Structures are given as C-alpha cells and as structure tokens.
C-alpha cells in the first residue's frame, strides 16, 4: 500500500478551503471560512434546525479473511484565535507564568514586520479503533477530548526587547466515535463510523462563535489488513443493492492509494472519486483542489507588493505559498501547463469498422 499517496490526499482534504485566493485576511471569501466537514456543537445545530450538522456518518463494505484487522482514524482541524497585545513597557523576556500586562490591539508593527489578528487552525487526530479483529462483530464507542489552551509568543522590537505578544487560544472540544461492524452476506461486512460533537456550549450567539467549538474539515481514514474494501462508486453487480443501502451523512467513502489497491478507504467531506491523487507536477498545496495550479500561481505573481505583504501577514501557510511561488523556476511553471494522462483509444479494436 502506498501510504505516501494516501497521506498526501488526506492532507489536501484536511486543508481544502482553509484559505482561498487572494490569500488575504481582508478578502470577503476568507472572512467566511470553514465550509467543509463542519461538525458544530449540538446546541447550535438544533438552533439552526440541523442545517449545521453535529454528526457525521460513514458506511462502507468490505470482504474480510480469517485474520482481517480494521483500524479507524478521524482527523479534523480546530479553530485557533490569534490576537495581539502591545506591552506598555518592553521586557527582555516574557514572565514564565505568562502573566504580562498588555493592551489588545488590531495591528502591531515591530522590527519591520506587521502583525494582524487571524484565525489559524490546529490539527487533531483520533484513533477510534486500532487493529480490531473483524471476525468478531462489535460495537465500539470511543470518547475523546481536547483541552482548552493558550499560548503567548513574544514579538520583539528593533532593540530586541519584547514589545508585543501574539496570543493563540482555543476552546475545549469533546466528542465520541462509534464503530459498528455487521455481517451482510457471506464474507461481506458493513462498517459504520458515527462521529458526534459533544462539546458543551452555552447559548449560541452566531456561526463565528460556534465554529470555535466545532470540528472542521472532518474526515475518516479506514485501513484493512487481510481484507478488501468494496467500491461504492463501482461495486460488483451482486453487491450493488448492498452498496446503495449504505448510509453516508456529510461524507463519502472512496478507495484510496494506488489504483487497484483495496486496503484503504478515505471518507471525505468533499466529493471525490476512487483513487484520488495529487498531480506530481503540483509544487504544493494551494488549499483549492477545484482550481488549476498554473492559474493560481500566475495570479499570485501578479499581486501588488502591498497585496503580497498582507498575504505574508495573514497566515503562515499563506506566506509559504507566496515564497514557494515566487521562487519557482521557469521549468517548474512549464510542468504546470498541462499533462496528458490515461489516454484510451477512441474506438475499441473489437468494434472497429472495416472497409
């Protein structure tokens, strides 16, 4: 199994839509983020009459041998608020207990750099099931929790003194994952993975507030030893009715890895096909799988200096995109121009007309 290919796809899925061109915090599209795979707190979901989901469900099928083992991993992002503070008196270093007095500000310029508030993200991973023998039908419930936290990063002035702080804080999240195996027919088993956001949340105020208590870009990776997953997009004729009966809510499972492999299923919050892949010509993630790398890269290069400066200030990952794009050699750009793959004859030889 090609784990590298699976991990690259999973990474692209995790950050799909994280930040879109023009990759600036001031852009309207980047002020309305987190549109894929969002599992909100139940209280907010109920207030929105279910238009904001609090649960996600994956169902798929597999053949299993006598020693088959299944593992289930859940991945999502957690919103992290980034704010700024200006110290009234510069210090040589921050106190060890992080008890420092500062004035909250919307912008801070120090040592030739400009800092602005933003909402970053932290990767979260939950191993809900690790190598469980599939010969035993089961219902496994796994509860998880991530504690609230705060970090303070010192910002130094031209003299090297701490004149400001960058504050990152995040809320406590909790939820559970239920994995159920049920025998369908002969050696075919159905696995159901249900994810629920159980985060305690008071009276909902608005979506922006609810997102701080949500799971973002949520998706599931299932791996199987001594067994084979069954494609839900193209199941065998004798299993089409079972495949059609699988209930998937907010996600869709597809085969992942090298074409022909059936040991991994990626249940993605965005619609994919079996065996999705990252084009080898792609220099790196642009957070928008629906766009063309060449077009986005050329657009980035046409930005003004002021726009590029805001891109650098907005987000660390956006800064990396800018630096990577500006340093691309001409031959790398040529590779983005177009590649032909999977050519097939227009007419099958078996049905070619004869004169």
Foldseek 3Di string as FASTA:
>chain_A
DPVVFVVQVLVLLQLFQVAAPVLFCPDPSNVPGQDFPKQFAPLVCVVVVNPRHQKWKFKFKKFFDQQKWKWKKKKFKAKKKKWKWFAPDWALDADPVNPGDTHTDQWDDAARAIAGIAIDIDMDMDTQGDGDGLVDWDKGKAKDKDAKDKDWDFDAHPVNTRGMIIMIIAHMWIWMWIWGWDDDDDRMIMIMIMIGTNDDDPNDDDPVVRSSHITGSMKMKMFMDRMFTAALVDGPPVCVVVSVPTDTDQWAWAAEDPPPGGGMIITGSDDDYHHDGDPPLQPDDNSHPVDQRLVSLVVNVPDDPVSLSSSVNHDVVSVVVSVSSVPDDPVSSVSSPDDDPDDDDPDDPVPDDDD
